[in-house]
PDB file of N, CA and C in Angstrom:
ATOM      1  N   MET A   1      33.105  23.314   7.022  1.00  0.00           N
ATOM      2  CA  MET A   1      32.570  24.622   8.051  1.00  0.00           C
ATOM      3  C   MET A   1      32.533  25.259   7.476  1.00  0.00           C
ATOM      4  N   ILE A   2      31.769  24.671   5.965  1.00  0.00           N
ATOM      5  CA  ILE A   2      30.640  25.902   5.050  1.00  0.00           C
ATOM      6  C   ILE A   2      29.317  25.137   4.932  1.00  0.00           C
ATOM      7  N   VAL A   3      28.399  26.326   5.145  1.00  0.00           N
ATOM      8  CA  VAL A   3      27.047  26.314   5.000  1.00  0.00           C
ATOM      9  C   VAL A   3      26.957  25.610   3.647  1.00  0.00           C
ATOM     10  N   ASP A   4      25.821  24.833   3.829  1.00  0.00           N
ATOM     11  CA  ASP A   4      25.709  24.265   2.845  1.00  0.00           C
ATOM     12  C   ASP A   4      24.401  24.045   2.205  1.00  0.00           C
ATOM     13  N   TYR A   5      23.417  24.775   2.878  1.00  0.00           N
ATOM     14  CA  TYR A   5      22.029  25.054   2.165  1.00  0.00           C
ATOM     15  C   TYR A   5      22.225  26.494   2.099  1.00  0.00           C
ATOM     16  N   VAL A   6      22.856  27.151   1.309  1.00  0.00           N
ATOM     17  CA  VAL A   6      22.210  28.303   1.279  1.00  0.00           C
ATOM     18  C   VAL A   6      23.065  28.652  -0.860  1.00  0.00           C
ATOM     19  N   PRO A   7      22.455  29.883  -1.425  1.00  0.00           N
ATOM     20  CA  PRO A   7      22.633  29.658  -2.557  1.00  0.00           C
ATOM     21  C   PRO A   7      24.693  29.563  -2.921  1.00  0.00           C
ATOM     22  N   GLU A   8      24.693  30.432  -2.065  1.00  0.00           N
ATOM     23  CA  GLU A   8      26.507  30.888  -2.611  1.00  0.00           C
ATOM     24  C   GLU A   8      27.617  30.333  -1.623  1.00  0.00           C
ATOM     25  N   PRO A   9      28.213  30.107  -2.116  1.00  0.00           N
ATOM     26  CA  PRO A   9      29.356  29.438  -0.250  1.00  0.00           C
ATOM     27  C   PRO A   9      29.595  30.189   0.848  1.00  0.00           C
ATOM     28  N   ARG A  10      29.298  30.005   1.727  1.00  0.00           N
ATOM     29  CA  ARG A  10      29.759  30.848   3.168  1.00  0.00           C
ATOM     30  C   ARG A  10      30.060  29.784   4.389  1.00  0.00           C
ATOM     31  N   MET A  11      31.008  30.581   4.966  1.00  0.00           N
ATOM     32  CA  MET A  11      31.692  30.115   5.898  1.00  0.00           C
ATOM     33  C   MET A  11      30.749  29.783   6.841  1.00  0.00           C
ATOM     34  N   ASP A  12      30.617  28.699   8.254  1.00  0.00           N
ATOM     35  CA  ASP A  12      29.613  28.706   8.660  1.00  0.00           C
ATOM     36  C   ASP A  12      30.405  29.394  10.533  1.00  0.00           C
ATOM     37  N   VAL A  13      30.144  30.676  10.499  1.00  0.00           N
ATOM     38  CA  VAL A  13      31.229  31.611  12.108  1.00  0.00           C
ATOM     39  C   VAL A  13      30.275  31.076  13.108  1.00  0.00           C
ATOM     40  N   ASP A  14      29.269  30.122  13.138  1.00  0.00           N
ATOM     41  CA  ASP A  14      28.510  30.085  14.689  1.00  0.00           C
ATOM     42  C   ASP A  14      29.107  28.543  14.510  1.00  0.00           C
ATOM     43  N   LEU A  15      29.571  27.718  13.715  1.00  0.00           N
ATOM     44  CA  LEU A  15      29.967  26.258  13.992  1.00  0.00           C
ATOM     45  C   LEU A  15      31.384  26.411  14.796  1.00  0.00           C
ATOM     46  N   LEU A  16      32.195  27.749  14.104  1.00  0.00           N
ATOM     47  CA  LEU A  16      33.705  28.053  14.293  1.00  0.00           C
ATOM     48  C   LEU A  16      33.723  27.990  16.275  1.00  0.00           C
ATOM     49  N   HIS A  17      32.598  29.336  15.963  1.00  0.00           N
ATOM     50  CA  HIS A  17      32.478  29.681  17.445  1.00  0.00           C
ATOM     51  C   HIS A  17      32.215  29.050  18.372  1.00  0.00           C
ATOM     52  N   ARG A  18      31.227  27.728  17.830  1.00  0.00           N
ATOM     53  CA  ARG A  18      30.669  26.198  19.151  1.00  0.00           C
ATOM     54  C   ARG A  18      32.026  25.663  19.020  1.00  0.00           C
ATOM     55  N   ILE A  19      32.894  25.656  18.310  1.00  0.00           N
ATOM     56  CA  ILE A  19      33.955  24.625  18.786  1.00  0.00           C
ATOM     57  C   ILE A  19      35.086  25.281  19.202  1.00  0.00           C
ATOM     58  N   LEU A  20      35.225  26.669  19.214  1.00  0.00           N
ATOM     59  CA  LEU A  20      36.319  27.360  20.387  1.00  0.00           C
ATOM     60  C   LEU A  20      35.864  27.613  21.730  1.00  0.00           C
ATOM     61  N   THR A  21      34.555  27.504  21.463  1.00  0.00           N
ATOM     62  CA  THR A  21      34.564  28.213  22.815  1.00  0.00           C
ATOM     63  C   THR A  21      33.621  26.690  23.165  1.00  0.00           C
ATOM     64  N   SER A  22      33.650  25.442  23.198  1.00  0.00           N
ATOM     65  CA  SER A  22      33.041  24.453  23.536  1.00  0.00           C
ATOM     66  C   SER A  22      33.651  23.777  24.325  1.00  0.00           C
ATOM     67  N   PRO A  23      33.238  23.251  25.876  1.00  0.00           N
ATOM     68  CA  PRO A  23      33.689  22.499  26.764  1.00  0.00           C
ATOM     69  C   PRO A  23      35.020  21.747  26.410  1.00  0.00           C
ATOM     70  N   ALA A  24      35.825  21.621  27.778  1.00  0.00           N
ATOM     71  CA  ALA A  24      36.809  20.909  27.505  1.00  0.00           C
ATOM     72  C   ALA A  24      36.653  19.222  26.801  1.00  0.00           C
ATOM     73  N   ASP A  25      35.543  18.393  27.040  1.00  0.00           N
ATOM     74  CA  ASP A  25      35.198  17.453  26.812  1.00  0.00           C
ATOM     75  C   ASP A  25      34.638  17.465  25.267  1.00  0.00           C
ATOM     76  N   GLY A  26      34.855  18.455  24.728  1.00  0.00           N
ATOM     77  CA  GLY A  26      34.187  18.287  23.668  1.00  0.00           C
ATOM     78  C   GLY A  26      33.183  18.347  22.682  1.00  0.00           C
ATOM     79  N   THR A  27      31.897  18.592  23.775  1.00  0.00           N
ATOM     80  CA  THR A  27      30.545  18.234  23.071  1.00  0.00           C
ATOM     81  C   THR A  27      30.187  19.515  23.073  1.00  0.00           C
ATOM     82  N   LEU A  28      29.551  19.284  21.695  1.00  0.00           N
ATOM     83  CA  LEU A  28      29.094  20.953  21.065  1.00  0.00           C
ATOM     84  C   LEU A  28      27.147  20.545  21.159  1.00  0.00           C
ATOM     85  N   ARG A  29      26.939  22.025  21.063  1.00  0.00           N
ATOM     86  CA  ARG A  29      25.506  22.013  21.117  1.00  0.00           C
ATOM     87  C   ARG A  29      24.746  21.739  20.284  1.00  0.00           C
ATOM     88  N   PRO A  30      23.909  21.585  19.796  1.00  0.00           N
ATOM     89  CA  PRO A  30      23.011  20.882  18.765  1.00  0.00           C
ATOM     90  C   PRO A  30      23.680  21.909  17.257  1.00  0.00           C
ATOM     91  N   VAL A  31      23.086  21.271  16.258  1.00  0.00           N
ATOM     92  CA  VAL A  31      23.539  22.268  15.158  1.00  0.00           C
ATOM     93  C   VAL A  31      21.978  22.310  14.619  1.00  0.00           C
ATOM     94  N   LEU A  32      21.992  23.913  14.621  1.00  0.00           N
ATOM     95  CA  LEU A  32      20.599  23.996  14.034  1.00  0.00           C
ATOM     96  C   LEU A  32      21.250  25.384  13.468  1.00  0.00           C
ATOM     97  N   PRO A  33      20.294  25.425  12.933  1.00  0.00           N
ATOM     98  CA  PRO A  33      20.645  26.814  11.234  1.00  0.00           C
ATOM     99  C   PRO A  33      20.904  28.301  11.770  1.00  0.00           C
ATOM    100  N   VAL A  34      20.753  28.197  13.579  1.00  0.00           N
ATOM    101  CA  VAL A  34      19.793  29.417  14.246  1.00  0.00           C
ATOM    102  C   VAL A  34      20.344  29.236  15.269  1.00  0.00           C
ATOM    103  N   HIS A  35      20.949  30.193  16.223  1.00  0.00           N
ATOM    104  CA  HIS A  35      21.564  30.344  17.496  1.00  0.00           C
ATOM    105  C   HIS A  35      21.389  31.662  18.273  1.00  0.00           C
ATOM    106  N   PHE A  36      20.539  31.976  19.786  1.00  0.00           N
ATOM    107  CA  PHE A  36      20.334  32.717  20.470  1.00  0.00           C
ATOM    108  C   PHE A  36      21.372  32.876  21.837  1.00  0.00           C
ATOM    109  N   ASP A  37      22.187  33.949  21.638  1.00  0.00           N
ATOM    110  CA  ASP A  37      23.309  34.065  23.256  1.00  0.00           C
ATOM    111  C   ASP A  37      22.063  35.012  24.293  1.00  0.00           C
ATOM    112  N   GLU A  38      21.911  34.534  24.983  1.00  0.00           N
ATOM    113  CA  GLU A  38      21.012  35.078  25.609  1.00  0.00           C
ATOM    114  C   GLU A  38      22.169  36.128  26.430  1.00  0.00           C
ATOM    115  N   TYR A  39      22.951  35.846  26.858  1.00  0.00           N
ATOM    116  CA  TYR A  39      24.147  36.538  27.628  1.00  0.00           C
ATOM    117  C   TYR A  39      24.355  38.216  26.812  1.00  0.00           C
ATOM    118  N   THR A  40      24.405  38.250  25.482  1.00  0.00           N
ATOM    119  CA  THR A  40      25.090  39.077  24.664  1.00  0.00           C
ATOM    120  C   THR A  40      23.253  39.812  23.854  1.00  0.00           C
ATOM    121  N   ASN A  41      22.519  39.063  23.764  1.00  0.00           N
ATOM    122  CA  ASN A  41      21.254  39.369  23.368  1.00  0.00           C
ATOM    123  C   ASN A  41      21.729  39.149  21.961  1.00  0.00           C
ATOM    124  N   MET A  42      22.291  38.285  21.277  1.00  0.00           N
ATOM    125  CA  MET A  42      22.277  38.050  20.009  1.00  0.00           C
ATOM    126  C   MET A  42      21.747  36.986  19.557  1.00  0.00           C
ATOM    127  N   LEU A  43      20.860  37.098  18.212  1.00  0.00           N
ATOM    128  CA  LEU A  43      20.476  36.391  17.365  1.00  0.00           C
ATOM    129  C   LEU A  43      21.735  35.964  16.365  1.00  0.00           C
ATOM    130  N   THR A  44      21.861  34.472  15.958  1.00  0.00           N
ATOM    131  CA  THR A  44      22.693  34.189  14.851  1.00  0.00           C
ATOM    132  C   THR A  44      22.152  33.509  14.138  1.00  0.00           C
ATOM    133  N   ILE A  45      21.741  33.530  12.358  1.00  0.00           N
ATOM    134  CA  ILE A  45      21.615  32.754  11.656  1.00  0.00           C
ATOM    135  C   ILE A  45      22.386  32.292  10.767  1.00  0.00           C
ATOM    136  N   ARG A  46      22.562  31.234  10.219  1.00  0.00           N
ATOM    137  CA  ARG A  46      24.088  30.643   9.661  1.00  0.00           C
ATOM    138  C   ARG A  46      23.683  31.324   8.263  1.00  0.00           C
ATOM    139  N   SER A  47      22.966  31.531   7.650  1.00  0.00           N
ATOM    140  CA  SER A  47      22.585  32.192   6.335  1.00  0.00           C
ATOM    141  C   SER A  47      23.156  33.350   6.047  1.00  0.00           C
ATOM    142  N   LYS A  48      22.980  34.159   7.419  1.00  0.00           N
ATOM    143  CA  LYS A  48      22.943  35.801   7.043  1.00  0.00           C
ATOM    144  C   LYS A  48      24.242  36.102   7.332  1.00  0.00           C
ATOM    145  N   THR A  49      25.225  37.112   6.785  1.00  0.00           N
ATOM    146  CA  THR A  49      26.300  37.555   6.923  1.00  0.00           C
ATOM    147  C   THR A  49      26.656  38.483   8.519  1.00  0.00           C
ATOM    148  N   ARG A  50      25.656  38.909   9.077  1.00  0.00           N
ATOM    149  CA  ARG A  50      25.833  39.286  10.604  1.00  0.00           C
ATOM    150  C   ARG A  50      24.923  39.018  11.502  1.00  0.00           C
ATOM    151  N   PRO A  51      25.186  39.018  12.669  1.00  0.00           N
ATOM    152  CA  PRO A  51      23.855  38.787  13.879  1.00  0.00           C
ATOM    153  C   PRO A  51      23.217  39.967  14.251  1.00  0.00           C
ATOM    154  N   TRP A  52      22.350  39.767  14.588  1.00  0.00           N
ATOM    155  CA  TRP A  52      20.954  40.804  15.117  1.00  0.00           C
ATOM    156  C   TRP A  52      21.426  40.889  16.823  1.00  0.00           C
ATOM    157  N   HIS A  53      21.615  42.137  16.864  1.00  0.00           N
ATOM    158  CA  HIS A  53      21.930  42.715  17.900  1.00  0.00           C
ATOM    159  C   HIS A  53      20.144  42.654  18.835  1.00  0.00           C
ATOM    160  N   ILE A  54      20.404  42.491  19.433  1.00  0.00           N
ATOM    161  CA  ILE A  54      18.330  42.486  20.324  1.00  0.00           C
ATOM    162  C   ILE A  54      18.999  43.867  21.329  1.00  0.00           C
ATOM    163  N   LYS A  55      18.380  44.888  21.761  1.00  0.00           N
ATOM    164  CA  LYS A  55      18.583  45.951  22.876  1.00  0.00           C
ATOM    165  C   LYS A  55      17.784  45.608  23.592  1.00  0.00           C
ATOM    166  N   GLY A  56      16.104  45.147  22.959  1.00  0.00           N
ATOM    167  CA  GLY A  56      15.068  45.770  24.233  1.00  0.00           C
ATOM    168  C   GLY A  56      15.000  44.384  25.039  1.00  0.00           C
ATOM    169  N   GLN A  57      14.578  44.940  26.522  1.00  0.00           N
ATOM    170  CA  GLN A  57      14.623  43.225  27.373  1.00  0.00           C
ATOM    171  C   GLN A  57      12.923  42.341  26.651  1.00  0.00           C
ATOM    172  N   ARG A  58      12.001  43.099  25.980  1.00  0.00           N
ATOM    173  CA  ARG A  58      10.803  42.178  26.268  1.00  0.00           C
ATOM    174  C   ARG A  58      11.447  41.799  25.023  1.00  0.00           C
ATOM    175  N   GLN A  59      12.084  42.788  23.549  1.00  0.00           N
ATOM    176  CA  GLN A  59      12.258  42.331  22.305  1.00  0.00           C
ATOM    177  C   GLN A  59      13.099  40.342  22.573  1.00  0.00           C
ATOM    178  N   ALA A  60      14.375  40.360  23.369  1.00  0.00           N
ATOM    179  CA  ALA A  60      15.318  39.687  23.386  1.00  0.00           C
ATOM    180  C   ALA A  60      14.395  38.587  24.115  1.00  0.00           C
ATOM    181  N   ALA A  61      13.538  39.123  25.042  1.00  0.00           N
ATOM    182  CA  ALA A  61      12.435  37.492  25.663  1.00  0.00           C
ATOM    183  C   ALA A  61      12.101  36.841  24.982  1.00  0.00           C
ATOM    184  N   ALA A  62      11.471  38.109  23.681  1.00  0.00           N
ATOM    185  CA  ALA A  62      10.554  37.008  22.703  1.00  0.00           C
ATOM    186  C   ALA A  62      11.801  35.966  21.330  1.00  0.00           C
ATOM    187  N   VAL A  63      12.255  36.623  21.540  1.00  0.00           N
ATOM    188  CA  VAL A  63      13.422  36.143  20.646  1.00  0.00           C
ATOM    189  C   VAL A  63      14.094  35.108  21.458  1.00  0.00           C
ATOM    190  N   LYS A  64      14.456  35.188  22.476  1.00  0.00           N
ATOM    191  CA  LYS A  64      15.149  34.263  23.478  1.00  0.00           C
ATOM    192  C   LYS A  64      14.007  32.849  23.662  1.00  0.00           C
ATOM    193  N   TYR A  65      12.219  33.155  23.535  1.00  0.00           N
ATOM    194  CA  TYR A  65      10.968  31.766  23.420  1.00  0.00           C
ATOM    195  C   TYR A  65      11.317  31.224  22.589  1.00  0.00           C
ATOM    196  N   LEU A  66      11.437  32.150  20.867  1.00  0.00           N
ATOM    197  CA  LEU A  66      11.270  31.742  20.170  1.00  0.00           C
ATOM    198  C   LEU A  66      12.461  30.264  19.750  1.00  0.00           C
ATOM    199  N   TYR A  67      13.658  31.176  19.891  1.00  0.00           N
ATOM    200  CA  TYR A  67      14.699  29.868  20.020  1.00  0.00           C
ATOM    201  C   TYR A  67      14.780  28.887  20.544  1.00  0.00           C
ATOM    202  N   GLN A  68      13.748  28.603  21.824  1.00  0.00           N
ATOM    203  CA  GLN A  68      13.996  27.737  22.951  1.00  0.00           C
ATOM    204  C   GLN A  68      12.874  26.991  22.106  1.00  0.00           C
ATOM    205  N   GLN A  69      11.900  27.618  21.426  1.00  0.00           N
ATOM    206  CA  GLN A  69      10.882  26.369  20.697  1.00  0.00           C
ATOM    207  C   GLN A  69      11.583  25.494  19.519  1.00  0.00           C
ATOM    208  N   VAL A  70      12.435  26.809  19.075  1.00  0.00           N
ATOM    209  CA  VAL A  70      13.182  25.362  17.861  1.00  0.00           C
ATOM    210  C   VAL A  70      14.245  24.767  18.080  1.00  0.00           C
ATOM    211  N   CYS A  71      14.666  24.905  19.062  1.00  0.00           N
ATOM    212  CA  CYS A  71      15.586  23.514  19.935  1.00  0.00           C
ATOM    213  C   CYS A  71      14.468  22.432  20.218  1.00  0.00           C
ATOM    214  N   ASN A  72      12.994  23.024  20.636  1.00  0.00           N
ATOM    215  CA  ASN A  72      12.100  21.632  21.165  1.00  0.00           C
ATOM    216  C   ASN A  72      11.868  21.271  19.540  1.00  0.00           C
ATOM    217  N   ASP A  73      12.685  21.696  18.435  1.00  0.00           N
ATOM    218  CA  ASP A  73      11.713  21.692  16.958  1.00  0.00           C
ATOM    219  C   ASP A  73      10.579  21.943  16.725  1.00  0.00           C
ATOM    220  N   ARG A  74      10.835  22.615  17.064  1.00  0.00           N
ATOM    221  CA  ARG A  74       9.162  23.696  17.299  1.00  0.00           C
ATOM    222  C   ARG A  74       9.544  25.242  16.247  1.00  0.00           C
ATOM    223  N   TRP A  75       9.183  24.946  15.045  1.00  0.00           N
ATOM    224  CA  TRP A  75       9.826  25.933  13.953  1.00  0.00           C
ATOM    225  C   TRP A  75       8.747  27.318  13.980  1.00  0.00           C
ATOM    226  N   LEU A  76       7.766  27.145  14.227  1.00  0.00           N
ATOM    227  CA  LEU A  76       6.701  28.144  13.941  1.00  0.00           C
ATOM    228  C   LEU A  76       5.774  28.108  15.281  1.00  0.00           C
ATOM    229  N   VAL A  77       5.346  29.157  15.618  1.00  0.00           N
ATOM    230  CA  VAL A  77       4.998  29.354  17.397  1.00  0.00           C
ATOM    231  C   VAL A  77       4.065  30.547  17.220  1.00  0.00           C
ATOM    232  N   GLU A  78       2.992  29.892  17.564  1.00  0.00           N
ATOM    233  CA  GLU A  78       1.758  31.206  17.944  1.00  0.00           C
ATOM    234  C   GLU A  78       2.094  32.700  18.817  1.00  0.00           C
ATOM    235  N   ALA A  79       2.036  33.563  17.691  1.00  0.00           N
ATOM    236  CA  ALA A  79       2.125  34.945  18.666  1.00  0.00           C
ATOM    237  C   ALA A  79       1.958  35.555  19.739  1.00  0.00           C
ATOM    238  N   ARG A  80       0.690  34.522  20.232  1.00  0.00           N
ATOM    239  CA  ARG A  80       0.280  34.740  21.441  1.00  0.00           C
ATOM    240  C   ARG A  80       1.133  33.865  22.626  1.00  0.00           C
ATOM    241  N   GLU A  81       1.727  33.166  22.449  1.00  0.00           N
ATOM    242  CA  GLU A  81       2.888  32.280  22.963  1.00  0.00           C
ATOM    243  C   GLU A  81       3.859  33.386  23.192  1.00  0.00           C
ATOM    244  N   ILE A  82       4.570  33.614  21.971  1.00  0.00           N
ATOM    245  CA  ILE A  82       5.507  34.484  21.867  1.00  0.00           C
ATOM    246  C   ILE A  82       5.313  35.607  22.761  1.00  0.00           C
ATOM    247  N   LEU A  83       4.343  36.633  22.866  1.00  0.00           N
ATOM    248  CA  LEU A  83       4.058  37.419  23.546  1.00  0.00           C
ATOM    249  C   LEU A  83       3.981  37.286  24.965  1.00  0.00           C
ATOM    250  N   ALA A  84       3.695  36.221  25.313  1.00  0.00           N
ATOM    251  CA  ALA A  84       3.154  35.947  26.697  1.00  0.00           C
ATOM    252  C   ALA A  84       4.568  36.170  27.515  1.00  0.00           C
ATOM    253  N   ALA A  85       5.516  35.252  26.522  1.00  0.00           N
ATOM    254  CA  ALA A  85       6.576  35.121  27.007  1.00  0.00           C
ATOM    255  C   ALA A  85       7.536  36.656  26.999  1.00  0.00           C
ATOM    256  N   ALA A  86       7.199  37.705  26.435  1.00  0.00           N
ATOM    257  CA  ALA A  86       7.854  38.700  26.599  1.00  0.00           C
ATOM    258  C   ALA A  86       7.560  39.340  27.594  1.00  0.00           C
ATOM    259  N   TYR A  87       6.167  39.080  28.095  1.00  0.00           N
ATOM    260  CA  TYR A  87       5.849  40.203  29.017  1.00  0.00           C
ATOM    261  C   TYR A  87       5.235  38.639  30.129  1.00  0.00           C
ATOM    262  N   PRO A  88       5.913  38.288  30.954  1.00  0.00           N
ATOM    263  CA  PRO A  88       5.632  37.793  31.467  1.00  0.00           C
ATOM    264  C   PRO A  88       4.837  38.008  33.286  1.00  0.00           C
ATOM    265  N   ASP A  89       5.416  39.589  33.078  1.00  0.00           N
ATOM    266  CA  ASP A  89       4.959  39.608  34.498  1.00  0.00           C
ATOM    267  C   ASP A  89       3.484  41.012  34.171  1.00  0.00           C
ATOM    268  N   LYS A  90       2.656  40.722  33.302  1.00  0.00           N
ATOM    269  CA  LYS A  90       1.994  42.089  33.064  1.00  0.00           C
ATOM    270  C   LYS A  90       0.939  40.891  32.417  1.00  0.00           C
ATOM    271  N   GLU A  91      -0.767  41.473  32.347  1.00  0.00           N
ATOM    272  CA  GLU A  91      -1.787  41.550  32.281  1.00  0.00           C
ATOM    273  C   GLU A  91      -1.953  42.519  31.467  1.00  0.00           C
ATOM    274  N   THR A  92      -2.011  43.914  31.575  1.00  0.00           N
ATOM    275  CA  THR A  92      -2.454  44.816  30.854  1.00  0.00           C
ATOM    276  C   THR A  92      -1.773  45.617  30.368  1.00  0.00           C
ATOM    277  N   GLY A  93      -1.150  46.488  29.302  1.00  0.00           N
ATOM    278  CA  GLY A  93      -0.326  47.713  29.204  1.00  0.00           C
ATOM    279  C   GLY A  93       0.594  46.883  28.115  1.00  0.00           C
ATOM    280  N   LYS A  94       0.115  45.561  27.799  1.00  0.00           N
ATOM    281  CA  LYS A  94       1.531  44.740  26.777  1.00  0.00           C
ATOM    282  C   LYS A  94       1.264  45.420  25.609  1.00  0.00           C
ATOM    283  N   SER A  95       2.155  45.014  25.018  1.00  0.00           N
ATOM    284  CA  SER A  95       1.757  44.456  23.465  1.00  0.00           C
ATOM    285  C   SER A  95       1.232  43.404  22.659  1.00  0.00           C
ATOM    286  N   THR A  96      -0.184  44.139  21.811  1.00  0.00           N
ATOM    287  CA  THR A  96      -1.084  42.428  21.487  1.00  0.00           C
ATOM    288  C   THR A  96      -0.578  42.284  20.470  1.00  0.00           C
ATOM    289  N   ARG A  97       0.392  42.279  19.511  1.00  0.00           N
ATOM    290  CA  ARG A  97       1.081  41.808  17.634  1.00  0.00           C
ATOM    291  C   ARG A  97       2.352  42.078  18.518  1.00  0.00           C
ATOM    292  N   MET A  98       2.907  41.185  17.451  1.00  0.00           N
ATOM    293  CA  MET A  98       4.046  41.281  17.597  1.00  0.00           C
ATOM    294  C   MET A  98       5.026  42.000  16.650  1.00  0.00           C
ATOM    295  N   GLN A  99       4.595  43.030  15.697  1.00  0.00           N
ATOM    296  CA  GLN A  99       4.816  44.212  15.098  1.00  0.00           C
ATOM    297  C   GLN A  99       4.658  45.304  16.224  1.00  0.00           C
ATOM    298  N   SER A 100       4.092  45.709  17.153  1.00  0.00           N
ATOM    299  CA  SER A 100       3.980  46.617  18.498  1.00  0.00           C
ATOM    300  C   SER A 100       5.077  46.514  18.808  1.00  0.00           C
ATOM    301  N   LEU A 101       5.533  45.102  19.236  1.00  0.00           N
ATOM    302  CA  LEU A 101       6.346  44.771  20.198  1.00  0.00           C
ATOM    303  C   LEU A 101       8.112  44.901  19.552  1.00  0.00           C
ATOM    304  N   PHE A 102       8.085  44.786  18.390  1.00  0.00           N
ATOM    305  CA  PHE A 102       9.283  45.116  17.319  1.00  0.00           C
ATOM    306  C   PHE A 102       9.215  46.539  16.893  1.00  0.00           C
ATOM    307  N   SER A 103       8.132  47.402  17.026  1.00  0.00           N
ATOM    308  CA  SER A 103       8.177  48.691  16.242  1.00  0.00           C
ATOM    309  C   SER A 103       9.334  49.529  16.813  1.00  0.00           C
ATOM    310  N   ALA A 104      10.145  49.718  17.218  1.00  0.00           N
ATOM    311  CA  ALA A 104      10.832  50.308  17.060  1.00  0.00           C
ATOM    312  C   ALA A 104      12.506  49.566  16.784  1.00  0.00           C
ATOM    313  N   ASN A 105      12.530  48.307  16.090  1.00  0.00           N
ATOM    314  CA  ASN A 105      13.480  47.902  15.597  1.00  0.00           C
ATOM    315  C   ASN A 105      13.203  47.318  14.289  1.00  0.00           C
ATOM    316  N   GLY A 106      12.888  47.855  12.987  1.00  0.00           N
ATOM    317  CA  GLY A 106      12.506  47.667  12.011  1.00  0.00           C
ATOM    318  C   GLY A 106      13.641  46.510  11.681  1.00  0.00           C
ATOM    319  N   ALA A 107      14.675  46.147  12.008  1.00  0.00           N
ATOM    320  CA  ALA A 107      15.340  45.165  11.621  1.00  0.00           C
ATOM    321  C   ALA A 107      15.090  43.673  11.788  1.00  0.00           C
ATOM    322  N   TRP A 108      13.816  43.575  13.156  1.00  0.00           N
ATOM    323  CA  TRP A 108      13.162  41.934  13.225  1.00  0.00           C
ATOM    324  C   TRP A 108      12.806  41.722  11.791  1.00  0.00           C
ATOM    325  N   LYS A 109      12.038  42.266  11.047  1.00  0.00           N
ATOM    326  CA  LYS A 109      11.399  41.334   9.827  1.00  0.00           C
ATOM    327  C   LYS A 109      12.730  40.893   8.596  1.00  0.00           C
ATOM    328  N   ASP A 110      14.111  41.671   9.086  1.00  0.00           N
ATOM    329  CA  ASP A 110      15.212  40.333   8.186  1.00  0.00           C
ATOM    330  C   ASP A 110      15.486  38.652   8.824  1.00  0.00           C
ATOM    331  N   TYR A 111      14.739  38.932  10.334  1.00  0.00           N
ATOM    332  CA  TYR A 111      15.332  38.105  10.729  1.00  0.00           C
ATOM    333  C   TYR A 111      13.853  36.605  11.406  1.00  0.00           C
ATOM    334  N   ILE A 112      12.947  37.353  11.483  1.00  0.00           N
ATOM    335  CA  ILE A 112      11.598  36.875  11.649  1.00  0.00           C
ATOM    336  C   ILE A 112      10.789  37.184  11.075  1.00  0.00           C
ATOM    337  N   VAL A 113       9.883  35.909  10.339  1.00  0.00           N
ATOM    338  CA  VAL A 113       9.064  35.229   9.265  1.00  0.00           C
ATOM    339  C   VAL A 113       7.544  35.145  10.017  1.00  0.00           C
ATOM    340  N   ASN A 114       6.320  36.328   8.809  1.00  0.00           N
ATOM    341  CA  ASN A 114       4.719  35.475   8.897  1.00  0.00           C
ATOM    342  C   ASN A 114       4.669  34.464   8.415  1.00  0.00           C
ATOM    343  N   PRO A 115       4.895  33.325   8.073  1.00  0.00           N
ATOM    344  CA  PRO A 115       4.776  32.678   6.811  1.00  0.00           C
ATOM    345  C   PRO A 115       2.884  32.067   6.925  1.00  0.00           C
ATOM    346  N   GLU A 116       3.074  32.396   8.453  1.00  0.00           N
ATOM    347  CA  GLU A 116       0.798  31.558   8.218  1.00  0.00           C
ATOM    348  C   GLU A 116       0.227  32.977   9.427  1.00  0.00           C
ATOM    349  N   LYS A 117      -1.118  32.967   9.674  1.00  0.00           N
ATOM    350  CA  LYS A 117      -1.352  33.584   9.905  1.00  0.00           C
ATOM    351  C   LYS A 117      -1.210  33.640  11.520  1.00  0.00           C
ATOM    352  N   GLY A 118      -0.633  34.861  12.503  1.00  0.00           N
ATOM    353  CA  GLY A 118      -0.770  34.539  13.877  1.00  0.00           C
ATOM    354  C   GLY A 118       0.327  33.341  14.477  1.00  0.00           C
ATOM    355  N   ARG A 119       1.267  33.415  13.299  1.00  0.00           N
ATOM    356  CA  ARG A 119       2.491  32.141  13.553  1.00  0.00           C
ATOM    357  C   ARG A 119       3.819  32.595  12.795  1.00  0.00           C
ATOM    358  N   TYR A 120       4.902  32.652  13.731  1.00  0.00           N
ATOM    359  CA  TYR A 120       5.987  32.943  13.029  1.00  0.00           C
ATOM    360  C   TYR A 120       7.217  32.129  13.899  1.00  0.00           C
ATOM    361  N   GLY A 121       8.244  32.600  13.091  1.00  0.00           N
ATOM    362  CA  GLY A 121       9.480  31.199  13.107  1.00  0.00           C
ATOM    363  C   GLY A 121      10.939  32.295  12.451  1.00  0.00           C
ATOM    364  N   PHE A 122      11.793  31.892  12.370  1.00  0.00           N
ATOM    365  CA  PHE A 122      12.851  32.452  12.308  1.00  0.00           C
ATOM    366  C   PHE A 122      13.520  32.548  10.699  1.00  0.00           C
ATOM    367  N   ARG A 123      13.040  33.622  10.032  1.00  0.00           N
ATOM    368  CA  ARG A 123      14.050  33.574   8.369  1.00  0.00           C
ATOM    369  C   ARG A 123      15.261  33.411   8.458  1.00  0.00           C
ATOM    370  N   LEU A 124      15.194  31.705   7.571  1.00  0.00           N
ATOM    371  CA  LEU A 124      16.143  31.362   7.773  1.00  0.00           C
ATOM    372  C   LEU A 124      16.990  31.390   5.999  1.00  0.00           C
ATOM    373  N   ASP A 125      15.984  32.162   5.054  1.00  0.00           N
ATOM    374  CA  ASP A 125      16.756  32.333   3.884  1.00  0.00           C
ATOM    375  C   ASP A 125      17.557  33.722   3.902  1.00  0.00           C
TER     376      ASP A 125
END
């Protein structure tokens, strides 16, 4: 249960949690380096020491969408898709940039990266 792709050995707390909370038949969710719990709005990246507790409803919706795309093997997602998921019920008065959506939460840059113009993914390092 050691994370094998980080520079220093680290216990895989997410895997341990998934094992302990798995159904009685023993099936596990896919092993990904990232996990989003939509009930607690917690994002866990296995290479980070602390999970990120997301407080805003729109921010949580954006992170949830990004996580769903990771589950479908899409590691980089267009900002417009993420923003549309964060504001499904609004056409006007919504953030047009990721920076605006997360402006009240400076921690987002520790968990979300922008490696290409207009595309975002999780910061796995």
